[in-house]
Amino acid sequence: MSFTPKSASVVYYVSDIARTETFYTETLGLPLQRMEGAEPFWLQGTLESGLEIIFFEQEGAHGSTPALVFSMSEGGIDDIVADLAGKGVNIVTPVSEAPGGWSADFLDPDGFGIGLWQSEEFPRSLK
């Protein structure tokens, strides 16, 4: 099963979310909003180009962040992850609960992290 991404986000894992907020909003002037639903809050903003930039406070190593995350335009995240695994793709995090929906992570051939995110309003499987 293939999918058509609805949009894409660049996700950073940072060690100090408050410090990150100050830098990106005050120093760089990026419009970021505090989002609730994960502890602590996370930051999210959309650039004029439409690209989303998201910051979570959690441990991340260079090479694992930033990560490219595709938002799915419809349901079926379980089907897509199963199809990717069947094609030999290294699934790092199986489909799991995420703020506002479901997510899964996998690696490209060079080991770069790619994520999928699906809103909870869509079914996890279309089969």
PDB file of N, CA and C in Angstrom:
ATOM      1  N   MET A   1       0.852  -1.181   0.000  1.00  0.00           N
ATOM      2  CA  MET A   1       0.000   0.000   0.000  1.00  0.00           C
ATOM      3  C   MET A   1       0.888   1.230   0.000  1.00  0.00           C
ATOM      4  N   SER A   2       0.626   2.160  -0.864  1.00  0.00           N
ATOM      5  CA  SER A   2       1.371   3.410  -0.879  1.00  0.00           C
ATOM      6  C   SER A   2       0.542   4.492  -0.194  1.00  0.00           C
ATOM      7  N   PHE A   3       1.165   5.604   0.049  1.00  0.00           N
ATOM      8  CA  PHE A   3       0.431   6.700   0.679  1.00  0.00           C
ATOM      9  C   PHE A   3       0.831   8.003   0.029  1.00  0.00           C
ATOM     10  N   THR A   4      -0.047   8.991   0.137  1.00  0.00           N
ATOM     11  CA  THR A   4       0.232  10.328  -0.357  1.00  0.00           C
ATOM     12  C   THR A   4       0.297  11.245   0.852  1.00  0.00           C
ATOM     13  N   PRO A   5       1.489  11.753   1.177  1.00  0.00           N
ATOM     14  CA  PRO A   5       1.591  12.629   2.347  1.00  0.00           C
ATOM     15  C   PRO A   5       0.738  13.877   2.185  1.00  0.00           C
ATOM     16  N   LYS A   6       0.121  14.280   3.274  1.00  0.00           N
ATOM     17  CA  LYS A   6      -0.679  15.500   3.320  1.00  0.00           C
ATOM     18  C   LYS A   6       0.237  16.718   3.464  1.00  0.00           C
ATOM     19  N   SER A   7       1.273  16.564   4.278  1.00  0.00           N
ATOM     20  CA  SER A   7       2.244  17.622   4.521  1.00  0.00           C
ATOM     21  C   SER A   7       3.472  16.980   5.157  1.00  0.00           C
ATOM     22  N   ALA A   8       4.485  17.792   5.407  1.00  0.00           N
ATOM     23  CA  ALA A   8       5.692  17.294   6.053  1.00  0.00           C
ATOM     24  C   ALA A   8       6.117  18.261   7.145  1.00  0.00           C
ATOM     25  N   SER A   9       6.752  17.716   8.154  1.00  0.00           N
ATOM     26  CA  SER A   9       7.272  18.505   9.262  1.00  0.00           C
ATOM     27  C   SER A   9       8.705  18.100   9.521  1.00  0.00           C
ATOM     28  N   VAL A  10       9.498  19.049   9.995  1.00  0.00           N
ATOM     29  CA  VAL A  10      10.835  18.749  10.482  1.00  0.00           C
ATOM     30  C   VAL A  10      10.737  18.774  12.002  1.00  0.00           C
ATOM     31  N   VAL A  11      11.151  17.672  12.632  1.00  0.00           N
ATOM     32  CA  VAL A  11      11.023  17.522  14.078  1.00  0.00           C
ATOM     33  C   VAL A  11      12.412  17.482  14.706  1.00  0.00           C
ATOM     34  N   TYR A  12      12.603  18.329  15.707  1.00  0.00           N
ATOM     35  CA  TYR A  12      13.857  18.349  16.471  1.00  0.00           C
ATOM     36  C   TYR A  12      13.587  17.842  17.879  1.00  0.00           C
ATOM     37  N   TYR A  13      14.520  17.052  18.405  1.00  0.00           N
ATOM     38  CA  TYR A  13      14.499  16.641  19.807  1.00  0.00           C
ATOM     39  C   TYR A  13      15.545  17.476  20.515  1.00  0.00           C
ATOM     40  N   VAL A  14      15.110  18.249  21.498  1.00  0.00           N
ATOM     41  CA  VAL A  14      15.993  19.211  22.157  1.00  0.00           C
ATOM     42  C   VAL A  14      16.108  18.896  23.644  1.00  0.00           C
ATOM     43  N   SER A  15      17.217  19.347  24.236  1.00  0.00           N
ATOM     44  CA  SER A  15      17.467  19.048  25.646  1.00  0.00           C
ATOM     45  C   SER A  15      16.762  20.007  26.590  1.00  0.00           C
ATOM     46  N   ASP A  16      16.434  21.219  26.146  1.00  0.00           N
ATOM     47  CA  ASP A  16      15.814  22.218  27.012  1.00  0.00           C
ATOM     48  C   ASP A  16      14.796  23.001  26.186  1.00  0.00           C
ATOM     49  N   ILE A  17      13.529  22.659  26.320  1.00  0.00           N
ATOM     50  CA  ILE A  17      12.474  23.243  25.487  1.00  0.00           C
ATOM     51  C   ILE A  17      12.314  24.743  25.738  1.00  0.00           C
ATOM     52  N   ALA A  18      12.488  25.202  26.976  1.00  0.00           N
ATOM     53  CA  ALA A  18      12.357  26.636  27.273  1.00  0.00           C
ATOM     54  C   ALA A  18      13.477  27.421  26.602  1.00  0.00           C
ATOM     55  N   ARG A  19      14.690  26.910  26.633  1.00  0.00           N
ATOM     56  CA  ARG A  19      15.814  27.564  25.975  1.00  0.00           C
ATOM     57  C   ARG A  19      15.581  27.610  24.459  1.00  0.00           C
ATOM     58  N   THR A  20      15.062  26.519  23.909  1.00  0.00           N
ATOM     59  CA  THR A  20      14.764  26.451  22.484  1.00  0.00           C
ATOM     60  C   THR A  20      13.701  27.478  22.116  1.00  0.00           C
ATOM     61  N   GLU A  21      12.659  27.578  22.946  1.00  0.00           N
ATOM     62  CA  GLU A  21      11.586  28.539  22.696  1.00  0.00           C
ATOM     63  C   GLU A  21      12.138  29.957  22.654  1.00  0.00           C
ATOM     64  N   THR A  22      12.964  30.313  23.608  1.00  0.00           N
ATOM     65  CA  THR A  22      13.553  31.649  23.653  1.00  0.00           C
ATOM     66  C   THR A  22      14.391  31.914  22.409  1.00  0.00           C
ATOM     67  N   PHE A  23      15.233  30.969  22.034  1.00  0.00           N
ATOM     68  CA  PHE A  23      16.100  31.160  20.872  1.00  0.00           C
ATOM     69  C   PHE A  23      15.304  31.350  19.588  1.00  0.00           C
ATOM     70  N   TYR A  24      14.381  30.439  19.323  1.00  0.00           N
ATOM     71  CA  TYR A  24      13.667  30.489  18.046  1.00  0.00           C
ATOM     72  C   TYR A  24      12.654  31.625  17.968  1.00  0.00           C
ATOM     73  N   THR A  25      12.018  31.973  19.095  1.00  0.00           N
ATOM     74  CA  THR A  25      11.020  33.044  19.039  1.00  0.00           C
ATOM     75  C   THR A  25      11.650  34.422  19.200  1.00  0.00           C
ATOM     76  N   GLU A  26      12.540  34.581  20.173  1.00  0.00           N
ATOM     77  CA  GLU A  26      13.100  35.907  20.443  1.00  0.00           C
ATOM     78  C   GLU A  26      14.312  36.227  19.586  1.00  0.00           C
ATOM     79  N   THR A  27      15.200  35.266  19.400  1.00  0.00           N
ATOM     80  CA  THR A  27      16.420  35.524  18.641  1.00  0.00           C
ATOM     81  C   THR A  27      16.161  35.478  17.141  1.00  0.00           C
ATOM     82  N   LEU A  28      15.439  34.429  16.686  1.00  0.00           N
ATOM     83  CA  LEU A  28      15.193  34.278  15.252  1.00  0.00           C
ATOM     84  C   LEU A  28      13.861  34.857  14.794  1.00  0.00           C
ATOM     85  N   GLY A  29      12.947  35.107  15.722  1.00  0.00           N
ATOM     86  CA  GLY A  29      11.662  35.693  15.370  1.00  0.00           C
ATOM     87  C   GLY A  29      10.681  34.734  14.716  1.00  0.00           C
ATOM     88  N   LEU A  30      10.855  33.431  14.928  1.00  0.00           N
ATOM     89  CA  LEU A  30       9.918  32.464  14.357  1.00  0.00           C
ATOM     90  C   LEU A  30       8.656  32.392  15.203  1.00  0.00           C
ATOM     91  N   PRO A  31       7.497  32.356  14.575  1.00  0.00           N
ATOM     92  CA  PRO A  31       6.244  32.257  15.329  1.00  0.00           C
ATOM     93  C   PRO A  31       5.977  30.811  15.754  1.00  0.00           C
ATOM     94  N   LEU A  32       6.308  30.493  16.985  1.00  0.00           N
ATOM     95  CA  LEU A  32       6.066  29.151  17.523  1.00  0.00           C
ATOM     96  C   LEU A  32       4.980  29.228  18.581  1.00  0.00           C
ATOM     97  N   GLN A  33       4.178  28.176  18.644  1.00  0.00           N
ATOM     98  CA  GLN A  33       3.126  28.101  19.663  1.00  0.00           C
ATOM     99  C   GLN A  33       3.440  26.957  20.615  1.00  0.00           C
ATOM    100  N   ARG A  34       3.106  27.170  21.880  1.00  0.00           N
ATOM    101  CA  ARG A  34       3.193  26.085  22.861  1.00  0.00           C
ATOM    102  C   ARG A  34       1.991  25.176  22.652  1.00  0.00           C
ATOM    103  N   MET A  35       2.254  23.895  22.566  1.00  0.00           N
ATOM    104  CA  MET A  35       1.202  22.907  22.365  1.00  0.00           C
ATOM    105  C   MET A  35       1.159  22.003  23.594  1.00  0.00           C
ATOM    106  N   GLU A  36      -0.031  21.625  23.992  1.00  0.00           N
ATOM    107  CA  GLU A  36      -0.207  20.762  25.163  1.00  0.00           C
ATOM    108  C   GLU A  36      -0.526  19.341  24.710  1.00  0.00           C
ATOM    109  N   GLY A  37      -0.339  18.386  25.598  1.00  0.00           N
ATOM    110  CA  GLY A  37      -0.661  17.002  25.294  1.00  0.00           C
ATOM    111  C   GLY A  37       0.512  16.074  25.492  1.00  0.00           C
ATOM    112  N   ALA A  38       1.685  16.631  25.691  1.00  0.00           N
ATOM    113  CA  ALA A  38       2.879  15.863  26.018  1.00  0.00           C
ATOM    114  C   ALA A  38       3.574  16.638  27.132  1.00  0.00           C
ATOM    115  N   GLU A  39       4.276  15.958  27.967  1.00  0.00           N
ATOM    116  CA  GLU A  39       4.978  16.633  29.069  1.00  0.00           C
ATOM    117  C   GLU A  39       6.453  16.668  28.793  1.00  0.00           C
ATOM    118  N   PRO A  40       7.097  17.813  28.835  1.00  0.00           N
ATOM    119  CA  PRO A  40       6.416  19.103  28.922  1.00  0.00           C
ATOM    120  C   PRO A  40       5.782  19.458  27.585  1.00  0.00           C
ATOM    121  N   PHE A  41       5.233  20.656  27.473  1.00  0.00           N
ATOM    122  CA  PHE A  41       4.641  21.130  26.232  1.00  0.00           C
ATOM    123  C   PHE A  41       5.625  20.924  25.084  1.00  0.00           C
ATOM    124  N   TRP A  42       5.133  20.995  23.847  1.00  0.00           N
ATOM    125  CA  TRP A  42       6.037  21.033  22.703  1.00  0.00           C
ATOM    126  C   TRP A  42       5.775  22.308  21.937  1.00  0.00           C
ATOM    127  N   LEU A  43       6.667  22.648  21.033  1.00  0.00           N
ATOM    128  CA  LEU A  43       6.565  23.865  20.237  1.00  0.00           C
ATOM    129  C   LEU A  43       6.288  23.505  18.795  1.00  0.00           C
ATOM    130  N   GLN A  44       5.461  24.320  18.152  1.00  0.00           N
ATOM    131  CA  GLN A  44       5.112  24.052  16.759  1.00  0.00           C
ATOM    132  C   GLN A  44       4.890  25.374  16.044  1.00  0.00           C
ATOM    133  N   GLY A  45       5.384  25.442  14.820  1.00  0.00           N
ATOM    134  CA  GLY A  45       5.180  26.628  14.006  1.00  0.00           C
ATOM    135  C   GLY A  45       5.173  26.255  12.537  1.00  0.00           C
ATOM    136  N   THR A  46       4.578  27.098  11.724  1.00  0.00           N
ATOM    137  CA  THR A  46       4.524  26.873  10.288  1.00  0.00           C
ATOM    138  C   THR A  46       5.182  28.053   9.585  1.00  0.00           C
ATOM    139  N   LEU A  47       6.145  27.754   8.734  1.00  0.00           N
ATOM    140  CA  LEU A  47       6.826  28.783   7.969  1.00  0.00           C
ATOM    141  C   LEU A  47       5.949  29.217   6.799  1.00  0.00           C
ATOM    142  N   GLU A  48       6.246  30.337   6.192  1.00  0.00           N
ATOM    143  CA  GLU A  48       5.457  30.830   5.064  1.00  0.00           C
ATOM    144  C   GLU A  48       5.368  29.815   3.929  1.00  0.00           C
ATOM    145  N   SER A  49       6.394  28.987   3.782  1.00  0.00           N
ATOM    146  CA  SER A  49       6.405  27.968   2.731  1.00  0.00           C
ATOM    147  C   SER A  49       5.416  26.841   3.007  1.00  0.00           C
ATOM    148  N   GLY A  50       4.912  26.778   4.250  1.00  0.00           N
ATOM    149  CA  GLY A  50       4.001  25.712   4.635  1.00  0.00           C
ATOM    150  C   GLY A  50       4.680  24.597   5.410  1.00  0.00           C
ATOM    151  N   LEU A  51       6.012  24.615   5.466  1.00  0.00           N
ATOM    152  CA  LEU A  51       6.736  23.588   6.212  1.00  0.00           C
ATOM    153  C   LEU A  51       6.544  23.804   7.702  1.00  0.00           C
ATOM    154  N   GLU A  52       6.190  22.739   8.407  1.00  0.00           N
ATOM    155  CA  GLU A  52       6.052  22.806   9.857  1.00  0.00           C
ATOM    156  C   GLU A  52       7.385  22.489  10.506  1.00  0.00           C
ATOM    157  N   ILE A  53       7.664  23.179  11.594  1.00  0.00           N
ATOM    158  CA  ILE A  53       8.834  22.898  12.408  1.00  0.00           C
ATOM    159  C   ILE A  53       8.328  22.631  13.813  1.00  0.00           C
ATOM    160  N   ILE A  54       8.776  21.510  14.394  1.00  0.00           N
ATOM    161  CA  ILE A  54       8.262  21.057  15.687  1.00  0.00           C
ATOM    162  C   ILE A  54       9.436  20.729  16.599  1.00  0.00           C
ATOM    163  N   PHE A  55       9.312  21.073  17.874  1.00  0.00           N
ATOM    164  CA  PHE A  55      10.354  20.793  18.859  1.00  0.00           C
ATOM    165  C   PHE A  55       9.744  20.033  20.033  1.00  0.00           C
ATOM    166  N   PHE A  56      10.361  18.894  20.371  1.00  0.00           N
ATOM    167  CA  PHE A  56       9.998  18.114  21.555  1.00  0.00           C
ATOM    168  C   PHE A  56      11.200  18.075  22.484  1.00  0.00           C
ATOM    169  N   GLU A  57      10.952  18.141  23.778  1.00  0.00           N
ATOM    170  CA  GLU A  57      12.041  17.967  24.735  1.00  0.00           C
ATOM    171  C   GLU A  57      12.172  16.488  25.032  1.00  0.00           C
ATOM    172  N   GLN A  58      13.230  15.906  24.517  1.00  0.00           N
ATOM    173  CA  GLN A  58      13.559  14.510  24.801  1.00  0.00           C
ATOM    174  C   GLN A  58      14.957  14.248  24.285  1.00  0.00           C
ATOM    175  N   GLU A  59      15.518  13.170  24.767  1.00  0.00           N
ATOM    176  CA  GLU A  59      16.873  12.831  24.373  1.00  0.00           C
ATOM    177  C   GLU A  59      16.926  12.543  22.877  1.00  0.00           C
ATOM    178  N   GLY A  60      17.898  13.112  22.240  1.00  0.00           N
ATOM    179  CA  GLY A  60      18.112  12.869  20.818  1.00  0.00           C
ATOM    180  C   GLY A  60      19.593  12.956  20.525  1.00  0.00           C
ATOM    181  N   ALA A  61      20.055  12.115  19.658  1.00  0.00           N
ATOM    182  CA  ALA A  61      21.466  12.118  19.292  1.00  0.00           C
ATOM    183  C   ALA A  61      21.615  12.730  17.913  1.00  0.00           C
ATOM    184  N   HIS A  62      22.765  13.348  17.683  1.00  0.00           N
ATOM    185  CA  HIS A  62      23.028  13.864  16.350  1.00  0.00           C
ATOM    186  C   HIS A  62      22.935  12.698  15.381  1.00  0.00           C
ATOM    187  N   GLY A  63      22.223  12.902  14.304  1.00  0.00           N
ATOM    188  CA  GLY A  63      21.980  11.834  13.339  1.00  0.00           C
ATOM    189  C   GLY A  63      20.574  11.277  13.465  1.00  0.00           C
ATOM    190  N   SER A  64      19.962  11.410  14.656  1.00  0.00           N
ATOM    191  CA  SER A  64      18.581  10.956  14.815  1.00  0.00           C
ATOM    192  C   SER A  64      17.613  12.133  14.793  1.00  0.00           C
ATOM    193  N   THR A  65      18.153  13.324  14.802  1.00  0.00           N
ATOM    194  CA  THR A  65      17.348  14.522  14.768  1.00  0.00           C
ATOM    195  C   THR A  65      18.093  15.591  13.979  1.00  0.00           C
ATOM    196  N   PRO A  66      17.479  16.396  13.131  1.00  0.00           N
ATOM    197  CA  PRO A  66      16.037  16.418  12.945  1.00  0.00           C
ATOM    198  C   PRO A  66      15.562  15.200  12.173  1.00  0.00           C
ATOM    199  N   ALA A  67      14.283  14.973  12.267  1.00  0.00           N
ATOM    200  CA  ALA A  67      13.640  13.874  11.549  1.00  0.00           C
ATOM    201  C   ALA A  67      12.563  14.456  10.637  1.00  0.00           C
ATOM    202  N   LEU A  68      12.384  13.847   9.503  1.00  0.00           N
ATOM    203  CA  LEU A  68      11.323  14.237   8.581  1.00  0.00           C
ATOM    204  C   LEU A  68      10.090  13.409   8.920  1.00  0.00           C
ATOM    205  N   VAL A  69       8.968  14.073   9.135  1.00  0.00           N
ATOM    206  CA  VAL A  69       7.730  13.386   9.488  1.00  0.00           C
ATOM    207  C   VAL A  69       6.667  13.745   8.462  1.00  0.00           C
ATOM    208  N   PHE A  70       6.086  12.715   7.838  1.00  0.00           N
ATOM    209  CA  PHE A  70       5.014  12.912   6.876  1.00  0.00           C
ATOM    210  C   PHE A  70       3.674  12.765   7.572  1.00  0.00           C
ATOM    211  N   SER A  71       2.796  13.755   7.397  1.00  0.00           N
ATOM    212  CA  SER A  71       1.422  13.658   7.885  1.00  0.00           C
ATOM    213  C   SER A  71       0.602  12.997   6.796  1.00  0.00           C
ATOM    214  N   MET A  72      -0.148  11.994   7.179  1.00  0.00           N
ATOM    215  CA  MET A  72      -0.926  11.236   6.206  1.00  0.00           C
ATOM    216  C   MET A  72      -2.249  11.926   5.926  1.00  0.00           C
ATOM    217  N   SER A  73      -2.666  11.864   4.668  1.00  0.00           N
ATOM    218  CA  SER A  73      -3.889  12.545   4.252  1.00  0.00           C
ATOM    219  C   SER A  73      -5.138  11.700   4.472  1.00  0.00           C
ATOM    220  N   GLU A  74      -4.948  10.445   4.840  1.00  0.00           N
ATOM    221  CA  GLU A  74      -6.082   9.556   5.107  1.00  0.00           C
ATOM    222  C   GLU A  74      -5.632   8.497   6.099  1.00  0.00           C
ATOM    223  N   GLY A  75      -6.485   7.584   6.434  1.00  0.00           N
ATOM    224  CA  GLY A  75      -6.150   6.545   7.395  1.00  0.00           C
ATOM    225  C   GLY A  75      -5.289   5.442   6.804  1.00  0.00           C
ATOM    226  N   GLY A  76      -5.051   4.437   7.635  1.00  0.00           N
ATOM    227  CA  GLY A  76      -4.343   3.259   7.174  1.00  0.00           C
ATOM    228  C   GLY A  76      -2.899   3.169   7.603  1.00  0.00           C
ATOM    229  N   ILE A  77      -2.516   3.846   8.681  1.00  0.00           N
ATOM    230  CA  ILE A  77      -1.121   3.828   9.107  1.00  0.00           C
ATOM    231  C   ILE A  77      -0.640   2.404   9.406  1.00  0.00           C
ATOM    232  N   ASP A  78      -1.491   1.568   9.985  1.00  0.00           N
ATOM    233  CA  ASP A  78      -1.093   0.179  10.253  1.00  0.00           C
ATOM    234  C   ASP A  78      -0.783  -0.556   8.954  1.00  0.00           C
ATOM    235  N   ASP A  79      -1.593  -0.345   7.924  1.00  0.00           N
ATOM    236  CA  ASP A  79      -1.403  -1.005   6.630  1.00  0.00           C
ATOM    237  C   ASP A  79      -0.101  -0.551   5.973  1.00  0.00           C
ATOM    238  N   ILE A  80       0.173   0.729   6.044  1.00  0.00           N
ATOM    239  CA  ILE A  80       1.365   1.276   5.405  1.00  0.00           C
ATOM    240  C   ILE A  80       2.626   0.779   6.100  1.00  0.00           C
ATOM    241  N   VAL A  81       2.627   0.773   7.423  1.00  0.00           N
ATOM    242  CA  VAL A  81       3.803   0.293   8.158  1.00  0.00           C
ATOM    243  C   VAL A  81       4.021  -1.193   7.889  1.00  0.00           C
ATOM    244  N   ALA A  82       2.966  -1.972   7.827  1.00  0.00           N
ATOM    245  CA  ALA A  82       3.099  -3.401   7.511  1.00  0.00           C
ATOM    246  C   ALA A  82       3.675  -3.586   6.110  1.00  0.00           C
ATOM    247  N   ASP A  83       3.226  -2.768   5.164  1.00  0.00           N
ATOM    248  CA  ASP A  83       3.747  -2.844   3.793  1.00  0.00           C
ATOM    249  C   ASP A  83       5.224  -2.485   3.754  1.00  0.00           C
ATOM    250  N   LEU A  84       5.616  -1.429   4.469  1.00  0.00           N
ATOM    251  CA  LEU A  84       7.023  -1.041   4.511  1.00  0.00           C
ATOM    252  C   LEU A  84       7.875  -2.150   5.113  1.00  0.00           C
ATOM    253  N   ALA A  85       7.409  -2.740   6.208  1.00  0.00           N
ATOM    254  CA  ALA A  85       8.153  -3.844   6.836  1.00  0.00           C
ATOM    255  C   ALA A  85       8.286  -5.010   5.868  1.00  0.00           C
ATOM    256  N   GLY A  86       7.225  -5.291   5.115  1.00  0.00           N
ATOM    257  CA  GLY A  86       7.256  -6.362   4.130  1.00  0.00           C
ATOM    258  C   GLY A  86       8.259  -6.116   3.012  1.00  0.00           C
ATOM    259  N   LYS A  87       8.589  -4.851   2.791  1.00  0.00           N
ATOM    260  CA  LYS A  87       9.575  -4.483   1.777  1.00  0.00           C
ATOM    261  C   LYS A  87      10.984  -4.406   2.356  1.00  0.00           C
ATOM    262  N   GLY A  88      11.127  -4.818   3.622  1.00  0.00           N
ATOM    263  CA  GLY A  88      12.442  -4.836   4.249  1.00  0.00           C
ATOM    264  C   GLY A  88      12.871  -3.540   4.907  1.00  0.00           C
ATOM    265  N   VAL A  89      11.953  -2.577   5.037  1.00  0.00           N
ATOM    266  CA  VAL A  89      12.286  -1.305   5.678  1.00  0.00           C
ATOM    267  C   VAL A  89      12.454  -1.542   7.186  1.00  0.00           C
ATOM    268  N   ASN A  90      13.488  -0.924   7.774  1.00  0.00           N
ATOM    269  CA  ASN A  90      13.763  -1.050   9.197  1.00  0.00           C
ATOM    270  C   ASN A  90      12.784  -0.167   9.980  1.00  0.00           C
ATOM    271  N   ILE A  91      11.801  -0.791  10.618  1.00  0.00           N
ATOM    272  CA  ILE A  91      10.820  -0.069  11.437  1.00  0.00           C
ATOM    273  C   ILE A  91      11.429   0.117  12.821  1.00  0.00           C
ATOM    274  N   VAL A  92      11.641   1.366  13.214  1.00  0.00           N
ATOM    275  CA  VAL A  92      12.274   1.676  14.494  1.00  0.00           C
ATOM    276  C   VAL A  92      11.242   1.699  15.617  1.00  0.00           C
ATOM    277  N   THR A  93      10.114   2.346  15.364  1.00  0.00           N
ATOM    278  CA  THR A  93       9.028   2.427  16.340  1.00  0.00           C
ATOM    279  C   THR A  93       7.751   2.007  15.638  1.00  0.00           C
ATOM    280  N   PRO A  94       7.138   0.911  16.070  1.00  0.00           N
ATOM    281  CA  PRO A  94       5.877   0.505  15.438  1.00  0.00           C
ATOM    282  C   PRO A  94       4.789   1.538  15.719  1.00  0.00           C
ATOM    283  N   VAL A  95       3.667   1.376  15.078  1.00  0.00           N
ATOM    284  CA  VAL A  95       2.558   2.317  15.273  1.00  0.00           C
ATOM    285  C   VAL A  95       2.253   2.411  16.763  1.00  0.00           C
ATOM    286  N   SER A  96       2.262   3.643  17.261  1.00  0.00           N
ATOM    287  CA  SER A  96       2.000   3.871  18.675  1.00  0.00           C
ATOM    288  C   SER A  96       1.260   5.193  18.839  1.00  0.00           C
ATOM    289  N   GLU A  97       0.665   5.357  20.008  1.00  0.00           N
ATOM    290  CA  GLU A  97      -0.101   6.563  20.287  1.00  0.00           C
ATOM    291  C   GLU A  97       0.816   7.775  20.314  1.00  0.00           C
ATOM    292  N   ALA A  98       0.356   8.876  19.719  1.00  0.00           N
ATOM    293  CA  ALA A  98       1.084  10.142  19.686  1.00  0.00           C
ATOM    294  C   ALA A  98       0.077  11.257  19.949  1.00  0.00           C
ATOM    295  N   PRO A  99       0.533  12.453  20.320  1.00  0.00           N
ATOM    296  CA  PRO A  99      -0.418  13.538  20.548  1.00  0.00           C
ATOM    297  C   PRO A  99      -1.335  13.745  19.335  1.00  0.00           C
ATOM    298  N   GLY A 100      -2.630  13.567  19.546  1.00  0.00           N
ATOM    299  CA  GLY A 100      -3.617  13.789  18.501  1.00  0.00           C
ATOM    300  C   GLY A 100      -3.755  12.686  17.472  1.00  0.00           C
ATOM    301  N   GLY A 101      -3.083  11.560  17.692  1.00  0.00           N
ATOM    302  CA  GLY A 101      -3.199  10.496  16.703  1.00  0.00           C
ATOM    303  C   GLY A 101      -2.240   9.347  16.921  1.00  0.00           C
ATOM    304  N   TRP A 102      -1.638   8.901  15.818  1.00  0.00           N
ATOM    305  CA  TRP A 102      -0.775   7.726  15.801  1.00  0.00           C
ATOM    306  C   TRP A 102       0.490   8.046  15.022  1.00  0.00           C
ATOM    307  N   SER A 103       1.588   7.412  15.416  1.00  0.00           N
ATOM    308  CA  SER A 103       2.828   7.638  14.685  1.00  0.00           C
ATOM    309  C   SER A 103       3.623   6.346  14.595  1.00  0.00           C
ATOM    310  N   ALA A 104       4.579   6.346  13.677  1.00  0.00           N
ATOM    311  CA  ALA A 104       5.519   5.241  13.514  1.00  0.00           C
ATOM    312  C   ALA A 104       6.789   5.828  12.919  1.00  0.00           C
ATOM    313  N   ASP A 105       7.921   5.194  13.211  1.00  0.00           N
ATOM    314  CA  ASP A 105       9.201   5.676  12.710  1.00  0.00           C
ATOM    315  C   ASP A 105       9.949   4.546  12.019  1.00  0.00           C
ATOM    316  N   PHE A 106      10.665   4.913  10.957  1.00  0.00           N
ATOM    317  CA  PHE A 106      11.478   3.940  10.234  1.00  0.00           C
ATOM    318  C   PHE A 106      12.724   4.640   9.714  1.00  0.00           C
ATOM    319  N   LEU A 107      13.648   3.871   9.148  1.00  0.00           N
ATOM    320  CA  LEU A 107      14.904   4.418   8.655  1.00  0.00           C
ATOM    321  C   LEU A 107      14.975   4.304   7.144  1.00  0.00           C
ATOM    322  N   ASP A 108      15.589   5.311   6.527  1.00  0.00           N
ATOM    323  CA  ASP A 108      15.863   5.204   5.096  1.00  0.00           C
ATOM    324  C   ASP A 108      17.145   4.372   4.933  1.00  0.00           C
ATOM    325  N   PRO A 109      17.581   4.094   3.698  1.00  0.00           N
ATOM    326  CA  PRO A 109      18.759   3.243   3.510  1.00  0.00           C
ATOM    327  C   PRO A 109      20.050   3.780   4.135  1.00  0.00           C
ATOM    328  N   ASP A 110      20.126   5.101   4.365  1.00  0.00           N
ATOM    329  CA  ASP A 110      21.316   5.676   4.996  1.00  0.00           C
ATOM    330  C   ASP A 110      21.174   5.836   6.497  1.00  0.00           C
ATOM    331  N   GLY A 111      20.074   5.358   7.063  1.00  0.00           N
ATOM    332  CA  GLY A 111      19.870   5.431   8.505  1.00  0.00           C
ATOM    333  C   GLY A 111      19.237   6.712   8.992  1.00  0.00           C
ATOM    334  N   PHE A 112      18.713   7.548   8.085  1.00  0.00           N
ATOM    335  CA  PHE A 112      18.031   8.761   8.513  1.00  0.00           C
ATOM    336  C   PHE A 112      16.609   8.418   8.951  1.00  0.00           C
ATOM    337  N   GLY A 113      16.167   9.043  10.040  1.00  0.00           N
ATOM    338  CA  GLY A 113      14.840   8.782  10.558  1.00  0.00           C
ATOM    339  C   GLY A 113      13.752   9.447   9.750  1.00  0.00           C
ATOM    340  N   ILE A 114      12.710   8.688   9.472  1.00  0.00           N
ATOM    341  CA  ILE A 114      11.517   9.196   8.799  1.00  0.00           C
ATOM    342  C   ILE A 114      10.323   8.758   9.638  1.00  0.00           C
ATOM    343  N   GLY A 115       9.381   9.630   9.813  1.00  0.00           N
ATOM    344  CA  GLY A 115       8.210   9.303  10.605  1.00  0.00           C
ATOM    345  C   GLY A 115       6.930   9.471   9.809  1.00  0.00           C
ATOM    346  N   LEU A 116       5.914   8.773  10.266  1.00  0.00           N
ATOM    347  CA  LEU A 116       4.557   8.933   9.765  1.00  0.00           C
ATOM    348  C   LEU A 116       3.706   9.381  10.934  1.00  0.00           C
ATOM    349  N   TRP A 117       2.767  10.273  10.675  1.00  0.00           N
ATOM    350  CA  TRP A 117       1.808  10.682  11.700  1.00  0.00           C
ATOM    351  C   TRP A 117       0.440  10.697  11.052  1.00  0.00           C
ATOM    352  N   GLN A 118      -0.526  10.159  11.780  1.00  0.00           N
ATOM    353  CA  GLN A 118      -1.902  10.112  11.297  1.00  0.00           C
ATOM    354  C   GLN A 118      -2.825  10.625  12.383  1.00  0.00           C
ATOM    355  N   SER A 119      -3.751  11.474  12.013  1.00  0.00           N
ATOM    356  CA  SER A 119      -4.732  12.002  12.948  1.00  0.00           C
ATOM    357  C   SER A 119      -5.609  10.886  13.486  1.00  0.00           C
ATOM    358  N   GLU A 120      -6.027  11.052  14.731  1.00  0.00           N
ATOM    359  CA  GLU A 120      -6.901  10.067  15.359  1.00  0.00           C
ATOM    360  C   GLU A 120      -8.293  10.015  14.713  1.00  0.00           C
ATOM    361  N   GLU A 121      -8.620  10.999  13.889  1.00  0.00           N
ATOM    362  CA  GLU A 121      -9.943  11.016  13.235  1.00  0.00           C
ATOM    363  C   GLU A 121     -10.037   9.987  12.108  1.00  0.00           C
ATOM    364  N   PHE A 122      -8.907   9.468  11.652  1.00  0.00           N
ATOM    365  CA  PHE A 122      -8.910   8.456  10.573  1.00  0.00           C
ATOM    366  C   PHE A 122      -8.700   7.069  11.155  1.00  0.00           C
ATOM    367  N   PRO A 123      -9.221   6.029  10.490  1.00  0.00           N
ATOM    368  CA  PRO A 123      -9.020   4.656  10.968  1.00  0.00           C
ATOM    369  C   PRO A 123      -7.559   4.227  10.785  1.00  0.00           C
ATOM    370  N   ARG A 124      -7.069   3.430  11.720  1.00  0.00           N
ATOM    371  CA  ARG A 124      -5.689   2.944  11.637  1.00  0.00           C
ATOM    372  C   ARG A 124      -5.494   1.968  10.493  1.00  0.00           C
ATOM    373  N   SER A 125      -6.532   1.252  10.119  1.00  0.00           N
ATOM    374  CA  SER A 125      -6.452   0.306   9.007  1.00  0.00           C
ATOM    375  C   SER A 125      -7.605   0.538   8.051  1.00  0.00           C
ATOM    376  N   LEU A 126      -7.312   0.399   6.759  1.00  0.00           N
ATOM    377  CA  LEU A 126      -8.356   0.542   5.747  1.00  0.00           C
ATOM    378  C   LEU A 126      -8.747  -0.819   5.168  1.00  0.00           C
ATOM    379  N   LYS A 127      -8.184  -1.877   5.720  1.00  0.00           N
ATOM    380  CA  LYS A 127      -8.487  -3.228   5.228  1.00  0.00           C
ATOM    381  C   LYS A 127      -9.666  -3.804   5.973  1.00  0.00           C
TER     382      LYS A 127
END
